[in-house]
């Protein structure tokens, strides 16, 4: 049985890009693997400096995960900052990390270009991510294509540490779903809350419908075939099996298709698909004591695992001088 590990930032309302890009995969992993899953609120500090917002986002992200099917009986599920061992390991790893490795990280450059403050936390983000993985012995790390480089940096750091101090850390493997496509937002760019082009899962139904009805389409005349390389086609396809996808392709190829009608169908499909999850979320939001207890128990299990790797790293580096 492989140990799978991944986390998600509490950066706001979850959207269908989050769900199909990572969360649904994580929930599938829990059936046949040892799954470690956490909310990365330390990472969120690089872009969020509003205390109430971070507190709210963190708890809401946990509720969202549980509502979408994460089973605390099968998964170790916790909040990153509830296991502070990871921050000590971040420092230990930083002493074996070359500056050039961090300077090559494209994510830092991309975020600062978009206007995010160039703070040291953002620059050192890959080391914290490495600690997140190495502190728990993750064998497999599901990542999107935009996080592939960070996983490669984690592997480099782990290999360098092991070369210097002995075999302490598991060298993780990336799991990139090669069949997956970039999930577009309503404007055709990658779906992202920061771009304001997302379709939320748990928002008001009318707001979700409004977002879907505003999906960008072209001006192809009604009596001509429609372009399938568009956000409307790609988003609708996420909810269809192979037969349904083929039927949608045929509709786009035939004259007479009206974008407005397809958008209405998509809105109905999205609301129907997530209806049971929305009901579950409403139940959980009324039982926060249960949610907090799940997180507390998950943190205790995660901390025990983190202690194993951290203590071994301390011993290997000569920090356990007293025996």
Protein backbone atom coordinates (compact mmCIF):
# COMPACT_ATOMS: atom_id res chain seq x y z
CA UNK A 1 0.00 0.00 0.00
CA UNK A 2 1.41 3.37 -1.06
CA UNK A 3 1.33 6.49 1.09
CA UNK A 4 -0.28 9.33 -0.86
CA UNK A 5 0.04 12.90 0.40
CA UNK A 6 -1.39 16.19 -0.78
CA UNK A 7 -2.77 19.47 0.50
CA UNK A 8 -4.84 22.40 -0.64
CA UNK A 9 -4.59 26.09 0.19
CA UNK A 10 -7.50 27.69 2.06
CA UNK A 11 -7.65 30.58 -0.38
CA UNK A 12 -11.43 30.91 -0.60
CA UNK A 13 -14.46 29.11 -1.97
CA UNK A 14 -13.73 25.83 -3.68
CA UNK A 15 -14.60 25.68 -7.35
CA UNK A 16 -15.08 22.88 -9.85
CA UNK A 17 -11.48 23.28 -11.02
CA UNK A 18 -10.31 22.35 -7.52
CA UNK A 19 -12.68 19.40 -7.46
CA UNK A 20 -11.80 17.85 -10.81
CA UNK A 21 -8.16 18.91 -10.68
CA UNK A 22 -7.26 17.47 -7.27
CA UNK A 23 -10.02 16.79 -4.76
CA UNK A 24 -11.90 14.05 -6.60
CA UNK A 25 -8.60 12.25 -7.18
CA UNK A 26 -7.70 12.49 -3.51
CA UNK A 27 -11.06 11.07 -2.48
CA UNK A 28 -10.54 8.14 -4.87
CA UNK A 29 -7.09 7.50 -3.39
CA UNK A 30 -8.54 6.90 0.08
CA UNK A 31 -10.08 3.59 -1.01
CA UNK A 32 -6.86 1.75 -1.87
CA UNK A 33 -4.00 3.79 -0.39
CA UNK A 34 -2.78 5.29 2.86
CA UNK A 35 -3.91 8.86 2.36
CA UNK A 36 -2.53 11.92 4.18
CA UNK A 37 -4.45 15.09 3.35
CA UNK A 38 -4.18 18.54 4.90
CA UNK A 39 -5.13 22.20 4.62
CA UNK A 40 -1.96 24.25 4.03
CA UNK A 41 -2.61 27.39 6.06
CA UNK A 42 1.13 28.09 6.54
CA UNK A 43 1.42 28.42 2.78
CA UNK A 44 -1.61 30.70 2.69
CA UNK A 45 0.26 33.21 4.88
CA UNK A 46 2.37 34.14 1.85
CA UNK A 47 -0.68 35.81 0.28
CA UNK A 48 -3.28 36.28 3.05
CA UNK A 49 -2.63 38.68 5.92
CA UNK A 50 -6.21 39.01 7.17
CA UNK A 51 -6.59 36.94 10.35
CA UNK A 52 -10.36 36.48 10.18
CA UNK A 53 -10.24 35.62 6.50
CA UNK A 54 -7.60 32.94 7.02
CA UNK A 55 -9.43 31.44 10.01
CA UNK A 56 -12.70 31.31 8.07
CA UNK A 57 -11.13 29.97 4.89
CA UNK A 58 -9.28 27.23 6.78
CA UNK A 59 -12.35 25.88 8.57
CA UNK A 60 -14.49 26.17 5.45
CA UNK A 61 -11.94 24.25 3.38
CA UNK A 62 -12.00 21.45 5.94
CA UNK A 63 -15.80 21.35 5.83
CA UNK A 64 -15.71 21.32 2.03
CA UNK A 65 -13.37 18.34 1.93
CA UNK A 66 -15.51 16.35 4.35
CA UNK A 67 -18.67 17.29 2.46
CA UNK A 68 -17.16 16.09 -0.81
CA UNK A 69 -16.48 12.64 0.57
CA UNK A 70 -13.21 12.58 2.49
CA UNK A 71 -13.63 9.87 5.15
CA UNK A 72 -11.77 10.58 8.41
CA UNK A 73 -11.93 6.85 9.21
CA UNK A 74 -9.80 6.11 6.14
CA UNK A 75 -7.67 9.27 5.94
CA UNK A 76 -5.34 11.25 8.17
CA UNK A 77 -6.75 14.74 7.73
CA UNK A 78 -5.45 17.83 9.51
CA UNK A 79 -4.60 21.53 9.41
CA UNK A 80 -0.95 22.19 8.54
CA UNK A 81 -0.29 24.60 11.42
CA UNK A 82 -1.59 22.06 13.95
CA UNK A 83 1.57 20.02 13.28
CA UNK A 84 4.39 22.57 13.82
CA UNK A 85 7.10 19.92 13.39
CA UNK A 86 6.95 20.82 9.72
CA UNK A 87 8.33 24.30 10.39
CA UNK A 88 11.36 22.92 12.24
CA UNK A 89 12.01 20.54 9.38
CA UNK A 90 11.72 23.47 6.97
CA UNK A 91 14.70 25.10 8.70
CA UNK A 92 16.72 21.89 8.71
CA UNK A 93 16.07 21.39 5.00
CA UNK A 94 16.91 25.01 4.24
CA UNK A 95 20.50 24.38 5.38
CA UNK A 96 21.01 21.85 2.58
CA UNK A 97 19.08 23.72 -0.12
CA UNK A 98 21.09 25.64 -2.69
CA UNK A 99 19.95 29.17 -3.47
CA UNK A 100 20.15 28.42 -7.17
CA UNK A 101 17.49 25.74 -6.76
CA UNK A 102 15.04 28.28 -5.32
CA UNK A 103 15.98 30.97 -7.82
CA UNK A 104 14.93 28.67 -10.64
CA UNK A 105 11.41 28.24 -9.24
CA UNK A 106 9.04 29.70 -11.82
CA UNK A 107 6.11 29.90 -9.40
CA UNK A 108 7.78 32.69 -7.40
CA UNK A 109 8.37 34.70 -10.55
CA UNK A 110 4.85 34.13 -11.83
CA UNK A 111 3.24 35.22 -8.57
CA UNK A 112 5.32 38.36 -8.16
CA UNK A 113 4.56 39.33 -11.76
CA UNK A 114 0.85 39.08 -10.86
CA UNK A 115 1.40 41.56 -8.03
CA UNK A 116 1.86 39.27 -5.01
CA UNK A 117 4.34 40.76 -2.54
CA UNK A 118 7.86 39.36 -2.97
CA UNK A 119 8.33 38.21 0.63
CA UNK A 120 10.83 35.64 1.89
CA UNK A 121 8.03 33.18 2.67
CA UNK A 122 6.96 33.17 -0.96
CA UNK A 123 10.56 32.66 -2.10
CA UNK A 124 11.09 29.79 0.38
CA UNK A 125 7.72 28.22 -0.42
CA UNK A 126 9.33 25.17 -2.10
CA UNK A 127 11.24 24.30 1.09
CA UNK A 128 8.07 24.38 3.18
CA UNK A 129 6.38 22.21 0.57
CA UNK A 130 9.32 19.80 0.74
CA UNK A 131 8.95 19.63 4.52
CA UNK A 132 5.22 18.97 4.13
CA UNK A 133 6.01 15.89 2.08
CA UNK A 134 9.19 14.60 3.70
CA UNK A 135 7.90 14.97 7.25
CA UNK A 136 5.26 12.32 6.55
CA UNK A 137 7.08 9.92 4.26
CA UNK A 138 4.88 10.48 1.24
CA UNK A 139 5.52 7.96 -1.55
CA UNK A 140 3.19 9.57 -4.08
CA UNK A 141 2.24 13.22 -4.38
CA UNK A 142 -0.60 14.08 -6.77
CA UNK A 143 0.19 17.48 -8.28
CA UNK A 144 -1.01 19.60 -11.15
CA UNK A 145 1.34 20.55 -13.96
CA UNK A 146 1.89 23.94 -12.28
CA UNK A 147 3.27 22.20 -9.15
CA UNK A 148 5.47 19.69 -10.95
CA UNK A 149 8.60 21.82 -10.51
CA UNK A 150 8.03 22.13 -6.76
CA UNK A 151 7.87 18.34 -6.47
CA UNK A 152 11.11 18.08 -8.42
CA UNK A 153 12.68 20.53 -5.97
CA UNK A 154 11.45 18.36 -3.09
CA UNK A 155 13.14 15.36 -4.64
CA UNK A 156 16.38 17.32 -5.10
CA UNK A 157 16.35 18.47 -1.46
CA UNK A 158 15.64 14.97 -0.14
CA UNK A 159 18.37 13.40 -2.25
CA UNK A 160 20.92 16.01 -1.16
CA UNK A 161 20.00 15.53 2.51
CA UNK A 162 20.27 11.74 2.18
CA UNK A 163 23.62 12.04 0.39
CA UNK A 164 25.02 14.14 3.23
CA UNK A 165 23.42 12.53 6.30
CA UNK A 166 22.29 9.06 5.24
CA UNK A 167 18.98 7.64 4.08
CA UNK A 168 16.46 9.52 6.21
CA UNK A 169 13.78 10.61 3.76
CA UNK A 170 11.57 8.82 1.27
CA UNK A 171 12.10 10.19 -2.26
CA UNK A 172 8.56 10.99 -3.41
CA UNK A 173 7.15 10.38 -6.86
CA UNK A 174 4.86 12.85 -8.60
CA UNK A 175 1.50 11.64 -9.83
CA UNK A 176 0.43 13.89 -12.67
CA UNK A 177 -2.78 12.85 -14.35
CA UNK A 178 -1.56 12.95 -17.94
CA UNK A 179 -5.05 12.47 -19.30
CA UNK A 180 -6.34 15.54 -17.54
CA UNK A 181 -6.65 18.83 -19.33
CA UNK A 182 -6.27 22.30 -17.96
CA UNK A 183 -9.66 23.11 -16.48
CA UNK A 184 -10.78 26.43 -17.93
CA UNK A 185 -12.60 29.18 -16.15
CA UNK A 186 -15.56 31.04 -17.62
CA UNK A 187 -13.16 33.20 -19.67
CA UNK A 188 -11.07 30.34 -21.06
CA UNK A 189 -8.01 30.90 -18.83
CA UNK A 190 -7.10 28.35 -16.15
CA UNK A 191 -9.89 28.37 -13.56
CA UNK A 192 -8.68 30.29 -10.52
CA UNK A 193 -10.20 32.35 -7.74
CA UNK A 194 -7.43 34.89 -8.22
CA UNK A 195 -8.53 35.37 -11.84
CA UNK A 196 -12.18 35.78 -10.84
CA UNK A 197 -13.21 33.24 -13.47
CA UNK A 198 -14.22 30.31 -11.28
CA UNK A 199 -17.49 28.41 -10.83
CA UNK A 200 -17.93 27.78 -7.09
CA UNK A 201 -19.35 24.53 -5.76
CA UNK A 202 -21.07 25.68 -2.58
CA UNK A 203 -22.24 29.20 -3.40
CA UNK A 204 -25.86 30.32 -3.82
CA UNK A 205 -27.55 28.46 -6.69
CA UNK A 206 -28.50 31.64 -8.52
CA UNK A 207 -24.91 32.88 -8.35
CA UNK A 208 -23.65 29.59 -9.76
CA UNK A 209 -26.19 29.78 -12.59
CA UNK A 210 -25.17 33.35 -13.32
CA UNK A 211 -21.51 32.40 -13.54
CA UNK A 212 -22.24 29.55 -15.93
CA UNK A 213 -24.45 31.72 -18.13
CA UNK A 214 -21.52 34.18 -18.45
CA UNK A 215 -19.13 31.57 -19.91
CA UNK A 216 -17.30 33.12 -22.86
CA UNK A 217 -18.46 31.91 -26.27
CA UNK A 218 -17.65 32.95 -29.83
CA UNK A 219 -19.81 34.57 -32.51
CA UNK A 220 -20.16 31.55 -34.79
CA UNK A 221 -23.49 31.76 -36.66
CA UNK A 222 -26.17 29.39 -35.42
CA UNK A 223 -26.28 27.50 -38.72
CA UNK A 224 -22.59 26.54 -38.56
CA UNK A 225 -20.72 23.88 -36.48
CA UNK A 226 -19.30 25.16 -33.18
CA UNK A 227 -15.72 25.07 -31.91
CA UNK A 228 -15.20 22.30 -29.34
CA UNK A 229 -11.96 23.86 -28.06
CA UNK A 230 -13.96 26.25 -25.89
CA UNK A 231 -14.60 26.55 -22.15
CA UNK A 232 -18.28 25.68 -22.53
CA UNK A 233 -17.57 22.36 -24.24
CA UNK A 234 -14.65 21.51 -21.94
CA UNK A 235 -16.53 22.30 -18.73
CA UNK A 236 -19.62 20.37 -19.76
CA UNK A 237 -17.43 17.38 -20.69
CA UNK A 238 -16.20 17.10 -17.10
CA UNK A 239 -19.62 15.86 -16.04
CA UNK A 240 -20.18 13.37 -18.88
CA UNK A 241 -19.22 9.75 -19.50
CA UNK A 242 -17.75 8.73 -22.87
CA UNK A 243 -21.17 8.27 -24.44
CA UNK A 244 -22.29 11.68 -23.21
CA UNK A 245 -19.11 13.32 -24.48
CA UNK A 246 -19.63 11.86 -27.93
CA UNK A 247 -23.21 13.08 -28.00
CA UNK A 248 -22.00 16.57 -27.03
CA UNK A 249 -19.38 16.47 -29.80
CA UNK A 250 -22.05 15.54 -32.31
CA UNK A 251 -24.24 18.44 -31.17
CA UNK A 252 -21.37 20.89 -31.55
CA UNK A 253 -20.63 19.54 -35.04
CA UNK A 254 -24.20 19.92 -36.24
CA UNK A 255 -25.71 23.29 -37.25
CA UNK A 256 -28.39 24.79 -35.03
CA UNK A 257 -26.80 24.50 -31.60
CA UNK A 258 -27.57 27.45 -29.31
CA UNK A 259 -24.96 28.32 -26.71
CA UNK A 260 -27.59 29.66 -24.31
CA UNK A 261 -29.39 26.33 -24.21
CA UNK A 262 -26.16 24.43 -23.57
CA UNK A 263 -25.29 26.81 -20.73
CA UNK A 264 -28.68 26.21 -19.11
CA UNK A 265 -28.14 22.45 -19.39
CA UNK A 266 -24.69 22.78 -17.84
CA UNK A 267 -26.06 24.83 -14.93
CA UNK A 268 -28.68 22.15 -14.24
CA UNK A 269 -26.05 19.42 -14.50
CA UNK A 270 -23.65 21.17 -12.10
CA UNK A 271 -26.34 21.78 -9.49
CA UNK A 272 -27.64 18.22 -9.74
CA UNK A 273 -24.14 16.71 -9.55
CA UNK A 274 -23.17 18.61 -6.41
CA UNK A 275 -26.62 18.54 -4.76
CA UNK A 276 -25.81 15.72 -2.27
CA UNK A 277 -22.49 17.36 -1.41
CA UNK A 278 -24.21 20.68 -0.81
CA UNK A 279 -26.68 18.99 1.54
CA UNK A 280 -23.82 17.29 3.39
CA UNK A 281 -21.99 20.58 3.73
CA UNK A 282 -25.03 22.22 5.24
CA UNK A 283 -25.19 19.45 7.87
CA UNK A 284 -21.50 19.80 8.70
CA UNK A 285 -21.71 23.58 9.00
CA UNK A 286 -24.24 23.05 11.78
CA UNK A 287 -21.96 20.59 13.58
CA UNK A 288 -18.63 22.40 13.84
CA UNK A 289 -17.68 20.53 17.02
CA UNK A 290 -17.55 17.33 14.99
CA UNK A 291 -15.42 18.96 12.29
CA UNK A 292 -12.97 20.34 14.85
CA UNK A 293 -12.74 16.96 16.58
CA UNK A 294 -11.92 15.28 13.26
CA UNK A 295 -9.14 17.81 12.68
CA UNK A 296 -7.81 17.42 16.22
CA UNK A 297 -7.62 13.65 15.93
CA UNK A 298 -6.05 13.92 12.49
CA UNK A 299 -3.41 16.34 13.77
CA UNK A 300 -2.46 13.95 16.57
CA UNK A 301 -1.94 11.09 14.10
CA UNK A 302 -0.02 13.32 11.70
CA UNK A 303 2.20 14.67 14.51
CA UNK A 304 3.16 11.16 15.58
CA UNK A 305 4.31 10.41 12.04
CA UNK A 306 6.09 13.77 11.74
CA UNK A 307 8.00 13.12 14.98
CA UNK A 308 9.44 9.93 13.50
CA UNK A 309 11.01 11.68 10.50
CA UNK A 310 11.94 14.87 12.32
CA UNK A 311 13.71 13.02 15.14
CA UNK A 312 15.61 10.93 12.64
CA UNK A 313 16.68 14.07 10.78
CA UNK A 314 17.77 15.72 14.04
CA UNK A 315 19.76 12.64 15.00
CA UNK A 316 21.41 12.43 11.59
CA UNK A 317 22.42 16.12 11.73
CA UNK A 318 23.84 15.91 15.25
CA UNK A 319 21.12 17.82 17.08
CA UNK A 320 20.23 15.02 19.51
CA UNK A 321 23.53 15.44 21.37
CA UNK A 322 22.09 14.31 24.73
CA UNK A 323 21.45 10.82 23.48
